[in-house]
Amino acid sequence: FLGAGAVSTINFVLKWGLRRLVAWVGYRSWTDHNASLLTMLFCAQYINTALIVLLVNAQLHGYMAEVPLIGRIRLLTKYVGNGNFHDMSGEWYVAVGVAVSTTLLAGVFTNCFEPLVTSLKKYVYVSCKYRIRAC
């Protein structure tokens, strides 16, 4: 569950940062703004949620050292591509599949927190603004 929590936290930070980036770019229409945000969020969260977990647990027999950018960074070649699984076997599904499923399940619930908190803040603000005695 720690890995799922970390991935969900990173996805939240990605969402926050990419919203700021898209707002900074300043698209002419909301359609372009939302399309750009959707594309960036999909790519970033897909890489963070599934691809990293897959590459860390795969045994690639040193092929990652030959990738131009990754091969020069020793920390990445130490962890990426040096996993325990040569193929998607039954053990892979038990170890990696459960981790990815847990991460996706955690993402379902953590993505609901931001709209919930925002709506609660608006409710308290409106309640305090129009009902002074309630606050």
N, C-alpha and C. Protein backbone atom coordinates (compact mmCIF):
# COMPACT_ATOMS: atom_id res chain seq x y z
N PHE A 1 0.82 -1.21 0.00
CA PHE A 1 0.00 0.00 0.00
C PHE A 1 0.86 1.27 0.00
N LEU A 2 2.10 1.15 0.46
CA LEU A 2 2.98 2.31 0.47
C LEU A 2 3.29 2.76 -0.95
N GLY A 3 3.55 1.81 -1.84
CA GLY A 3 3.80 2.14 -3.24
C GLY A 3 2.60 2.79 -3.90
N ALA A 4 1.42 2.26 -3.60
CA ALA A 4 0.19 2.83 -4.16
C ALA A 4 -0.02 4.25 -3.66
N GLY A 5 0.27 4.48 -2.39
CA GLY A 5 0.15 5.82 -1.84
C GLY A 5 1.14 6.79 -2.46
N ALA A 6 2.36 6.30 -2.70
CA ALA A 6 3.37 7.15 -3.33
C ALA A 6 2.98 7.51 -4.75
N VAL A 7 2.50 6.53 -5.50
CA VAL A 7 2.09 6.79 -6.88
C VAL A 7 0.91 7.76 -6.91
N SER A 8 -0.05 7.58 -6.01
CA SER A 8 -1.20 8.49 -5.95
C SER A 8 -0.78 9.90 -5.59
N THR A 9 0.18 10.02 -4.68
CA THR A 9 0.68 11.34 -4.30
C THR A 9 1.39 12.00 -5.47
N ILE A 10 2.22 11.24 -6.17
CA ILE A 10 2.91 11.79 -7.33
C ILE A 10 1.92 12.18 -8.42
N ASN A 11 0.89 11.37 -8.61
CA ASN A 11 -0.14 11.72 -9.60
C ASN A 11 -0.85 13.01 -9.22
N PHE A 12 -1.09 13.22 -7.93
CA PHE A 12 -1.73 14.46 -7.47
C PHE A 12 -0.81 15.65 -7.75
N VAL A 13 0.47 15.50 -7.48
CA VAL A 13 1.43 16.58 -7.74
C VAL A 13 1.54 16.84 -9.24
N LEU A 14 1.53 15.77 -10.05
CA LEU A 14 1.54 15.93 -11.50
C LEU A 14 0.32 16.71 -11.98
N LYS A 15 -0.85 16.37 -11.43
CA LYS A 15 -2.07 17.07 -11.82
C LYS A 15 -1.98 18.55 -11.47
N TRP A 16 -1.49 18.84 -10.28
CA TRP A 16 -1.35 20.22 -9.84
C TRP A 16 -0.36 20.98 -10.73
N GLY A 17 0.79 20.38 -10.98
CA GLY A 17 1.82 21.03 -11.78
C GLY A 17 1.41 21.22 -13.23
N LEU A 18 0.77 20.22 -13.81
CA LEU A 18 0.37 20.33 -15.20
C LEU A 18 -0.76 21.34 -15.38
N ARG A 19 -1.62 21.47 -14.38
CA ARG A 19 -2.65 22.53 -14.45
C ARG A 19 -2.00 23.90 -14.49
N ARG A 20 -0.97 24.09 -13.66
CA ARG A 20 -0.26 25.36 -13.65
C ARG A 20 0.44 25.60 -14.99
N LEU A 21 1.04 24.55 -15.54
CA LEU A 21 1.75 24.68 -16.81
C LEU A 21 0.79 25.04 -17.95
N VAL A 22 -0.35 24.38 -18.01
CA VAL A 22 -1.32 24.67 -19.06
C VAL A 22 -1.88 26.08 -18.89
N ALA A 23 -2.10 26.50 -17.66
CA ALA A 23 -2.58 27.87 -17.42
C ALA A 23 -1.51 28.89 -17.84
N TRP A 24 -0.26 28.56 -17.62
CA TRP A 24 0.83 29.46 -17.98
C TRP A 24 0.96 29.59 -19.50
N VAL A 25 0.72 28.49 -20.23
CA VAL A 25 0.79 28.53 -21.69
C VAL A 25 -0.26 29.48 -22.23
N GLY A 26 -1.46 29.47 -21.66
CA GLY A 26 -2.50 30.41 -22.04
C GLY A 26 -3.13 30.13 -23.40
N TYR A 27 -3.93 29.10 -23.44
CA TYR A 27 -4.63 28.75 -24.67
C TYR A 27 -5.76 29.74 -24.93
N ARG A 28 -6.14 29.88 -26.19
CA ARG A 28 -7.18 30.83 -26.57
C ARG A 28 -8.57 30.38 -26.18
N SER A 29 -8.79 29.07 -26.12
CA SER A 29 -10.13 28.58 -25.80
C SER A 29 -10.04 27.53 -24.69
N TRP A 30 -11.16 27.34 -24.01
CA TRP A 30 -11.22 26.31 -22.97
C TRP A 30 -11.09 24.92 -23.57
N THR A 31 -11.53 24.76 -24.80
CA THR A 31 -11.41 23.46 -25.46
C THR A 31 -9.95 23.10 -25.67
N ASP A 32 -9.16 24.03 -26.17
CA ASP A 32 -7.73 23.78 -26.35
C ASP A 32 -7.04 23.56 -25.00
N HIS A 33 -7.42 24.37 -24.02
CA HIS A 33 -6.87 24.25 -22.67
C HIS A 33 -7.13 22.86 -22.10
N ASN A 34 -8.37 22.43 -22.15
CA ASN A 34 -8.74 21.13 -21.58
C ASN A 34 -8.16 19.97 -22.37
N ALA A 35 -8.09 20.10 -23.69
CA ALA A 35 -7.49 19.04 -24.51
C ALA A 35 -6.01 18.87 -24.20
N SER A 36 -5.31 19.96 -24.04
CA SER A 36 -3.90 19.90 -23.71
C SER A 36 -3.69 19.31 -22.32
N LEU A 37 -4.49 19.76 -21.36
CA LEU A 37 -4.38 19.24 -20.00
C LEU A 37 -4.68 17.75 -19.96
N LEU A 38 -5.70 17.32 -20.66
CA LEU A 38 -6.06 15.90 -20.70
C LEU A 38 -4.94 15.06 -21.28
N THR A 39 -4.36 15.51 -22.37
CA THR A 39 -3.29 14.76 -23.02
C THR A 39 -2.06 14.65 -22.11
N MET A 40 -1.68 15.77 -21.51
CA MET A 40 -0.51 15.76 -20.62
C MET A 40 -0.74 14.91 -19.39
N LEU A 41 -1.92 15.03 -18.77
CA LEU A 41 -2.21 14.23 -17.59
C LEU A 41 -2.25 12.75 -17.91
N PHE A 42 -2.85 12.39 -19.04
CA PHE A 42 -2.90 10.98 -19.41
C PHE A 42 -1.50 10.41 -19.56
N CYS A 43 -0.65 11.09 -20.31
CA CYS A 43 0.70 10.59 -20.54
C CYS A 43 1.50 10.50 -19.24
N ALA A 44 1.47 11.54 -18.43
CA ALA A 44 2.25 11.56 -17.19
C ALA A 44 1.76 10.51 -16.20
N GLN A 45 0.45 10.39 -16.02
CA GLN A 45 -0.07 9.43 -15.06
C GLN A 45 0.06 8.00 -15.55
N TYR A 46 -0.02 7.78 -16.85
CA TYR A 46 0.19 6.44 -17.40
C TYR A 46 1.63 5.99 -17.14
N ILE A 47 2.58 6.87 -17.42
CA ILE A 47 3.98 6.52 -17.18
C ILE A 47 4.21 6.27 -15.70
N ASN A 48 3.68 7.13 -14.85
CA ASN A 48 3.89 7.00 -13.41
C ASN A 48 3.20 5.78 -12.83
N THR A 49 2.01 5.46 -13.30
CA THR A 49 1.24 4.38 -12.70
C THR A 49 1.65 3.00 -13.19
N ALA A 50 1.85 2.84 -14.48
CA ALA A 50 2.05 1.50 -15.02
C ALA A 50 3.44 1.25 -15.57
N LEU A 51 3.94 2.15 -16.37
CA LEU A 51 5.19 1.88 -17.08
C LEU A 51 6.38 1.78 -16.15
N ILE A 52 6.46 2.64 -15.15
CA ILE A 52 7.58 2.58 -14.21
C ILE A 52 7.56 1.27 -13.43
N VAL A 53 6.40 0.85 -12.97
CA VAL A 53 6.29 -0.41 -12.23
C VAL A 53 6.70 -1.58 -13.11
N LEU A 54 6.30 -1.55 -14.36
CA LEU A 54 6.64 -2.61 -15.30
C LEU A 54 8.14 -2.66 -15.55
N LEU A 55 8.77 -1.51 -15.78
CA LEU A 55 10.21 -1.49 -16.07
C LEU A 55 11.06 -1.85 -14.86
N VAL A 56 10.64 -1.46 -13.68
CA VAL A 56 11.41 -1.78 -12.48
C VAL A 56 11.39 -3.27 -12.18
N ASN A 57 10.29 -3.93 -12.47
CA ASN A 57 10.17 -5.35 -12.16
C ASN A 57 10.58 -6.28 -13.29
N ALA A 58 10.90 -5.75 -14.45
CA ALA A 58 11.29 -6.58 -15.58
C ALA A 58 12.80 -6.85 -15.56
N GLN A 59 13.18 -8.03 -15.97
CA GLN A 59 14.59 -8.38 -16.13
C GLN A 59 14.93 -8.22 -17.61
N LEU A 60 15.65 -7.17 -17.93
CA LEU A 60 15.94 -6.84 -19.32
C LEU A 60 17.37 -7.20 -19.72
N HIS A 61 18.09 -7.89 -18.87
CA HIS A 61 19.42 -8.42 -19.15
C HIS A 61 20.40 -7.36 -19.64
N GLY A 62 20.39 -6.20 -19.03
CA GLY A 62 21.35 -5.16 -19.34
C GLY A 62 21.02 -4.29 -20.54
N TYR A 63 19.87 -4.47 -21.14
CA TYR A 63 19.52 -3.66 -22.31
C TYR A 63 19.29 -2.20 -21.96
N MET A 64 18.91 -1.91 -20.72
CA MET A 64 18.67 -0.52 -20.34
C MET A 64 19.97 0.28 -20.34
N ALA A 65 21.11 -0.37 -20.15
CA ALA A 65 22.39 0.32 -20.19
C ALA A 65 22.72 0.82 -21.59
N GLU A 66 22.12 0.22 -22.61
CA GLU A 66 22.36 0.62 -23.99
C GLU A 66 21.47 1.77 -24.45
N VAL A 67 20.42 2.08 -23.67
CA VAL A 67 19.56 3.21 -24.02
C VAL A 67 20.36 4.49 -23.77
N PRO A 68 20.47 5.39 -24.76
CA PRO A 68 21.38 6.53 -24.65
C PRO A 68 21.23 7.37 -23.40
N LEU A 69 20.04 7.81 -23.06
CA LEU A 69 19.87 8.69 -21.92
C LEU A 69 19.93 7.93 -20.60
N ILE A 70 19.28 6.79 -20.54
CA ILE A 70 19.21 6.03 -19.28
C ILE A 70 20.53 5.34 -18.98
N GLY A 71 21.24 4.88 -20.00
CA GLY A 71 22.48 4.15 -19.79
C GLY A 71 23.56 4.95 -19.11
N ARG A 72 23.52 6.25 -19.22
CA ARG A 72 24.53 7.11 -18.59
C ARG A 72 24.26 7.37 -17.11
N ILE A 73 23.06 7.12 -16.67
CA ILE A 73 22.70 7.39 -15.28
C ILE A 73 22.74 6.07 -14.52
N ARG A 74 23.76 5.88 -13.70
CA ARG A 74 23.96 4.60 -13.02
C ARG A 74 22.84 4.25 -12.05
N LEU A 75 22.27 5.24 -11.42
CA LEU A 75 21.19 4.98 -10.47
C LEU A 75 19.99 4.35 -11.18
N LEU A 76 19.67 4.83 -12.38
CA LEU A 76 18.56 4.25 -13.13
C LEU A 76 18.87 2.84 -13.60
N THR A 77 20.08 2.60 -14.10
CA THR A 77 20.41 1.26 -14.58
C THR A 77 20.52 0.27 -13.44
N LYS A 78 20.70 0.75 -12.22
CA LYS A 78 20.74 -0.14 -11.06
C LYS A 78 19.35 -0.70 -10.75
N TYR A 79 18.31 0.12 -10.92
CA TYR A 79 16.96 -0.30 -10.55
C TYR A 79 16.08 -0.67 -11.75
N VAL A 80 16.21 0.04 -12.85
CA VAL A 80 15.35 -0.17 -14.00
C VAL A 80 15.90 -1.31 -14.85
N GLY A 81 15.08 -2.31 -15.07
CA GLY A 81 15.47 -3.43 -15.91
C GLY A 81 16.21 -4.54 -15.19
N ASN A 82 16.34 -4.46 -13.89
CA ASN A 82 17.02 -5.49 -13.11
C ASN A 82 16.07 -6.18 -12.14
N GLY A 83 14.85 -6.37 -12.56
CA GLY A 83 13.85 -7.02 -11.71
C GLY A 83 13.98 -8.52 -11.71
N ASN A 84 13.01 -9.18 -11.14
CA ASN A 84 13.05 -10.64 -10.98
C ASN A 84 12.32 -11.40 -12.08
N PHE A 85 11.66 -10.72 -12.99
CA PHE A 85 10.77 -11.41 -13.91
C PHE A 85 11.23 -11.26 -15.36
N HIS A 86 11.44 -12.41 -16.01
CA HIS A 86 11.85 -12.43 -17.42
C HIS A 86 10.64 -12.31 -18.34
N ASP A 87 9.50 -12.77 -17.87
CA ASP A 87 8.29 -12.78 -18.68
C ASP A 87 7.09 -12.59 -17.75
N MET A 88 5.92 -12.43 -18.32
CA MET A 88 4.71 -12.25 -17.51
C MET A 88 4.17 -13.62 -17.13
N SER A 89 4.73 -14.18 -16.10
CA SER A 89 4.33 -15.50 -15.62
C SER A 89 3.32 -15.35 -14.49
N GLY A 90 2.97 -16.46 -13.90
CA GLY A 90 2.03 -16.43 -12.78
C GLY A 90 2.58 -15.65 -11.60
N GLU A 91 3.88 -15.80 -11.35
CA GLU A 91 4.51 -15.05 -10.25
C GLU A 91 4.49 -13.55 -10.53
N TRP A 92 4.65 -13.19 -11.81
CA TRP A 92 4.62 -11.78 -12.18
C TRP A 92 3.26 -11.18 -11.85
N TYR A 93 2.20 -11.90 -12.18
CA TYR A 93 0.86 -11.38 -11.90
C TYR A 93 0.60 -11.26 -10.41
N VAL A 94 1.17 -12.17 -9.63
CA VAL A 94 0.99 -12.09 -8.18
C VAL A 94 1.72 -10.87 -7.62
N ALA A 95 2.94 -10.65 -8.07
CA ALA A 95 3.75 -9.55 -7.51
C ALA A 95 3.43 -8.21 -8.15
N VAL A 96 3.55 -8.12 -9.46
CA VAL A 96 3.42 -6.84 -10.15
C VAL A 96 1.96 -6.51 -10.44
N GLY A 97 1.20 -7.49 -10.86
CA GLY A 97 -0.20 -7.25 -11.17
C GLY A 97 -0.99 -6.76 -9.97
N VAL A 98 -0.72 -7.34 -8.81
CA VAL A 98 -1.41 -6.90 -7.60
C VAL A 98 -0.99 -5.47 -7.24
N ALA A 99 0.29 -5.16 -7.43
CA ALA A 99 0.77 -3.81 -7.13
C ALA A 99 0.11 -2.77 -8.04
N VAL A 100 0.02 -3.09 -9.33
CA VAL A 100 -0.62 -2.15 -10.26
C VAL A 100 -2.11 -2.03 -9.96
N SER A 101 -2.77 -3.15 -9.65
CA SER A 101 -4.20 -3.11 -9.31
C SER A 101 -4.45 -2.30 -8.05
N THR A 102 -3.60 -2.48 -7.05
CA THR A 102 -3.74 -1.71 -5.81
C THR A 102 -3.53 -0.23 -6.07
N THR A 103 -2.56 0.10 -6.92
CA THR A 103 -2.31 1.49 -7.27
C THR A 103 -3.50 2.11 -7.98
N LEU A 104 -4.08 1.37 -8.92
CA LEU A 104 -5.24 1.89 -9.63
C LEU A 104 -6.44 2.05 -8.70
N LEU A 105 -6.63 1.12 -7.79
CA LEU A 105 -7.73 1.21 -6.83
C LEU A 105 -7.53 2.41 -5.90
N ALA A 106 -6.30 2.62 -5.46
CA ALA A 106 -6.02 3.78 -4.61
C ALA A 106 -6.26 5.08 -5.38
N GLY A 107 -5.93 5.07 -6.68
CA GLY A 107 -6.15 6.25 -7.50
C GLY A 107 -7.62 6.59 -7.66
N VAL A 108 -8.46 5.57 -7.68
CA VAL A 108 -9.90 5.81 -7.79
C VAL A 108 -10.40 6.62 -6.60
N PHE A 109 -9.93 6.28 -5.41
CA PHE A 109 -10.40 6.96 -4.21
C PHE A 109 -9.70 8.29 -3.97
N THR A 110 -8.40 8.37 -4.26
CA THR A 110 -7.70 9.63 -3.99
C THR A 110 -8.07 10.72 -4.97
N ASN A 111 -8.51 10.38 -6.17
CA ASN A 111 -8.92 11.41 -7.12
C ASN A 111 -10.21 12.09 -6.70
N CYS A 112 -10.95 11.50 -5.79
CA CYS A 112 -12.21 12.09 -5.31
C CYS A 112 -11.98 13.13 -4.22
N PHE A 113 -10.81 13.14 -3.59
CA PHE A 113 -10.58 14.02 -2.45
C PHE A 113 -10.55 15.49 -2.84
N GLU A 114 -9.90 15.83 -3.92
CA GLU A 114 -9.78 17.23 -4.31
C GLU A 114 -11.13 17.89 -4.58
N PRO A 115 -12.02 17.29 -5.40
CA PRO A 115 -13.34 17.92 -5.59
C PRO A 115 -14.16 17.96 -4.30
N LEU A 116 -14.02 16.95 -3.46
CA LEU A 116 -14.75 16.92 -2.20
C LEU A 116 -14.31 18.05 -1.28
N VAL A 117 -13.02 18.25 -1.14
CA VAL A 117 -12.50 19.33 -0.30
C VAL A 117 -12.89 20.69 -0.86
N THR A 118 -12.80 20.84 -2.18
CA THR A 118 -13.18 22.11 -2.81
C THR A 118 -14.65 22.44 -2.57
N SER A 119 -15.52 21.44 -2.72
CA SER A 119 -16.94 21.70 -2.51
C SER A 119 -17.24 21.98 -1.04
N LEU A 120 -16.54 21.33 -0.12
CA LEU A 120 -16.74 21.62 1.30
C LEU A 120 -16.28 23.03 1.65
N LYS A 121 -15.16 23.48 1.06
CA LYS A 121 -14.70 24.84 1.29
C LYS A 121 -15.71 25.86 0.78
N LYS A 122 -16.28 25.61 -0.39
CA LYS A 122 -17.28 26.52 -0.93
C LYS A 122 -18.53 26.54 -0.06
N TYR A 123 -18.93 25.38 0.45
CA TYR A 123 -20.11 25.30 1.31
C TYR A 123 -19.90 26.10 2.59
N VAL A 124 -18.74 25.94 3.20
CA VAL A 124 -18.45 26.68 4.43
C VAL A 124 -18.39 28.17 4.15
N TYR A 125 -17.78 28.57 3.04
CA TYR A 125 -17.70 29.98 2.69
C TYR A 125 -19.08 30.59 2.49
N VAL A 126 -19.94 29.91 1.74
CA VAL A 126 -21.29 30.43 1.48
C VAL A 126 -22.10 30.45 2.78
N SER A 127 -21.95 29.40 3.59
CA SER A 127 -22.67 29.36 4.87
C SER A 127 -22.26 30.51 5.77
N CYS A 128 -20.96 30.76 5.83
CA CYS A 128 -20.48 31.85 6.69
C CYS A 128 -20.83 33.22 6.13
N LYS A 129 -20.90 33.34 4.84
CA LYS A 129 -21.18 34.62 4.23
C LYS A 129 -22.63 35.03 4.44
N TYR A 130 -23.55 34.10 4.35
CA TYR A 130 -24.98 34.42 4.43
C TYR A 130 -25.61 34.13 5.78
N ARG A 131 -24.96 33.37 6.59
CA ARG A 131 -25.46 33.07 7.93
C ARG A 131 -24.36 33.38 8.94
N ILE A 132 -24.29 34.56 9.34
CA ILE A 132 -23.20 35.01 10.21
C ILE A 132 -23.22 34.28 11.54
N ARG A 133 -24.37 33.97 12.07
CA ARG A 133 -24.46 33.29 13.36
C ARG A 133 -24.00 31.82 13.29
N ALA A 134 -24.03 31.22 12.13
CA ALA A 134 -23.63 29.82 11.99
C ALA A 134 -22.12 29.65 12.15
N CYS A 135 -21.36 30.71 11.91
CA CYS A 135 -19.89 30.60 12.01
C CYS A 135 -19.48 31.14 13.34
